[in-house]
Amino acid sequence: MLKVPEMDIGFAVNARSIKANENFRKMKEVIKEMIDSFGRTKIRYTVMVIGDEPVMEISFSDVFPSDMDLKRQLDTLSIPTG
């Protein structure tokens, strides 16, 4: 079993690039792979989506009962319009 130290990991996802939809989807997959590899018991995640204004979609203080719940929350994220 991999020993994981306690840490905070933040992701800033650009929602305004030329390939925004593709990049946004890929970034969510990378984050899910990290959750699958390292879990959420010792690692806190935050996700900021940067569009016209940065929006903190998942915060370090958010509590998820399971890794699957955190991944489901990632699935709800979308590129902001406007």
C-alpha atoms as a PDB file:
ATOM      1  CA  MET A   1       0.000   0.000   0.000  1.00  0.00           C
ATOM      2  CA  LEU A   2       1.290   3.430  -0.960  1.00  0.00           C
ATOM      3  CA  LYS A   3       1.975   5.695   2.016  1.00  0.00           C
ATOM      4  CA  VAL A   4       0.421   9.091   1.298  1.00  0.00           C
ATOM      5  CA  PRO A   5       1.316  12.127   3.423  1.00  0.00           C
ATOM      6  CA  GLU A   6      -1.357  14.637   4.402  1.00  0.00           C
ATOM      7  CA  MET A   7      -1.524  17.442   1.857  1.00  0.00           C
ATOM      8  CA  ASP A   8      -3.702  19.912   0.009  1.00  0.00           C
ATOM      9  CA  ILE A   9      -3.798  19.841  -3.793  1.00  0.00           C
ATOM     10  CA  GLY A  10      -5.371  22.635  -5.810  1.00  0.00           C
ATOM     11  CA  PHE A  11      -6.335  22.639  -9.474  1.00  0.00           C
ATOM     12  CA  ALA A  12      -7.006  25.732 -11.567  1.00  0.00           C
ATOM     13  CA  VAL A  13      -8.886  24.746 -14.712  1.00  0.00           C
ATOM     14  CA  ASN A  14      -8.911  27.200 -17.617  1.00  0.00           C
ATOM     15  CA  ALA A  15     -12.375  27.359 -19.186  1.00  0.00           C
ATOM     16  CA  ARG A  16     -11.479  29.953 -21.815  1.00  0.00           C
ATOM     17  CA  SER A  17      -8.874  28.242 -23.985  1.00  0.00           C
ATOM     18  CA  ILE A  18      -9.290  27.415 -27.664  1.00  0.00           C
ATOM     19  CA  LYS A  19      -9.954  23.748 -26.828  1.00  0.00           C
ATOM     20  CA  ALA A  20     -11.794  24.488 -23.585  1.00  0.00           C
ATOM     21  CA  ASN A  21     -14.280  21.605 -23.767  1.00  0.00           C
ATOM     22  CA  GLU A  22     -11.606  19.001 -24.489  1.00  0.00           C
ATOM     23  CA  ASN A  23      -9.160  20.399 -21.928  1.00  0.00           C
ATOM     24  CA  PHE A  24     -11.880  20.698 -19.275  1.00  0.00           C
ATOM     25  CA  ARG A  25     -12.888  17.060 -19.777  1.00  0.00           C
ATOM     26  CA  LYS A  26      -9.256  15.889 -19.671  1.00  0.00           C
ATOM     27  CA  MET A  27      -8.525  17.837 -16.498  1.00  0.00           C
ATOM     28  CA  LYS A  28     -11.522  16.307 -14.731  1.00  0.00           C
ATOM     29  CA  GLU A  29     -10.270  12.851 -15.751  1.00  0.00           C
ATOM     30  CA  VAL A  30      -6.782  13.603 -14.376  1.00  0.00           C
ATOM     31  CA  ILE A  31      -8.279  14.708 -11.056  1.00  0.00           C
ATOM     32  CA  LYS A  32     -10.416  11.547 -10.887  1.00  0.00           C
ATOM     33  CA  GLU A  33      -7.341   9.417 -11.568  1.00  0.00           C
ATOM     34  CA  MET A  34      -5.565  11.125  -8.677  1.00  0.00           C
ATOM     35  CA  ILE A  35      -8.540  10.412  -6.430  1.00  0.00           C
ATOM     36  CA  ASP A  36      -8.463   6.752  -7.542  1.00  0.00           C
ATOM     37  CA  SER A  37      -4.721   6.550  -6.844  1.00  0.00           C
ATOM     38  CA  PHE A  38      -4.486   8.506  -3.593  1.00  0.00           C
ATOM     39  CA  GLY A  39      -8.009   8.789  -2.167  1.00  0.00           C
ATOM     40  CA  ARG A  40      -9.286  11.664  -0.094  1.00  0.00           C
ATOM     41  CA  THR A  41      -8.554  10.617   3.474  1.00  0.00           C
ATOM     42  CA  LYS A  42      -5.156  12.331   3.649  1.00  0.00           C
ATOM     43  CA  ILE A  43      -5.467  14.629   0.661  1.00  0.00           C
ATOM     44  CA  ARG A  44      -7.811  17.582   0.408  1.00  0.00           C
ATOM     45  CA  TYR A  45      -8.686  18.780  -3.074  1.00  0.00           C
ATOM     46  CA  THR A  46      -9.808  22.123  -4.398  1.00  0.00           C
ATOM     47  CA  VAL A  47     -10.892  22.954  -7.936  1.00  0.00           C
ATOM     48  CA  MET A  48     -11.101  26.481  -9.300  1.00  0.00           C
ATOM     49  CA  VAL A  49     -12.653  27.015 -12.731  1.00  0.00           C
ATOM     50  CA  ILE A  50     -11.300  30.099 -14.433  1.00  0.00           C
ATOM     51  CA  GLY A  51     -13.647  31.708 -16.948  1.00  0.00           C
ATOM     52  CA  ASP A  52     -14.559  35.388 -17.046  1.00  0.00           C
ATOM     53  CA  GLU A  53     -14.274  35.211 -13.247  1.00  0.00           C
ATOM     54  CA  PRO A  54     -12.575  32.491 -11.191  1.00  0.00           C
ATOM     55  CA  VAL A  55     -15.035  30.272  -9.307  1.00  0.00           C
ATOM     56  CA  MET A  56     -14.078  27.901  -6.508  1.00  0.00           C
ATOM     57  CA  GLU A  57     -16.146  24.833  -7.411  1.00  0.00           C
ATOM     58  CA  ILE A  58     -14.674  22.444  -4.851  1.00  0.00           C
ATOM     59  CA  SER A  59     -13.051  23.818  -1.721  1.00  0.00           C
ATOM     60  CA  PHE A  60     -10.545  22.319   0.706  1.00  0.00           C
ATOM     61  CA  SER A  61     -13.231  22.603   3.386  1.00  0.00           C
ATOM     62  CA  ASP A  62     -15.834  20.594   1.424  1.00  0.00           C
ATOM     63  CA  VAL A  63     -16.497  17.203   2.986  1.00  0.00           C
ATOM     64  CA  PHE A  64     -17.292  14.153   0.857  1.00  0.00           C
ATOM     65  CA  PRO A  65     -18.365  10.863   2.479  1.00  0.00           C
ATOM     66  CA  SER A  66     -16.540   8.816  -0.160  1.00  0.00           C
ATOM     67  CA  ASP A  67     -14.143   9.070  -3.080  1.00  0.00           C
ATOM     68  CA  MET A  68     -17.092   8.335  -5.373  1.00  0.00           C
ATOM     69  CA  ASP A  69     -19.004  11.327  -3.968  1.00  0.00           C
ATOM     70  CA  LEU A  70     -16.054  13.595  -4.723  1.00  0.00           C
ATOM     71  CA  LYS A  71     -15.824  12.216  -8.269  1.00  0.00           C
ATOM     72  CA  ARG A  72     -19.569  12.711  -8.736  1.00  0.00           C
ATOM     73  CA  GLN A  73     -19.142  16.348  -7.714  1.00  0.00           C
ATOM     74  CA  LEU A  74     -16.421  16.692 -10.356  1.00  0.00           C
ATOM     75  CA  ASP A  75     -18.854  15.282 -12.919  1.00  0.00           C
ATOM     76  CA  THR A  76     -21.288  18.116 -12.178  1.00  0.00           C
ATOM     77  CA  LEU A  77     -18.731  20.797 -13.070  1.00  0.00           C
ATOM     78  CA  SER A  78     -19.204  22.506 -16.397  1.00  0.00           C
ATOM     79  CA  ILE A  79     -17.635  25.330 -18.326  1.00  0.00           C
ATOM     80  CA  PRO A  80     -19.254  28.604 -17.279  1.00  0.00           C
ATOM     81  CA  THR A  81     -21.177  30.489 -19.939  1.00  0.00           C
ATOM     82  CA  GLY A  82     -21.283  34.200 -20.355  1.00  0.00           C
END
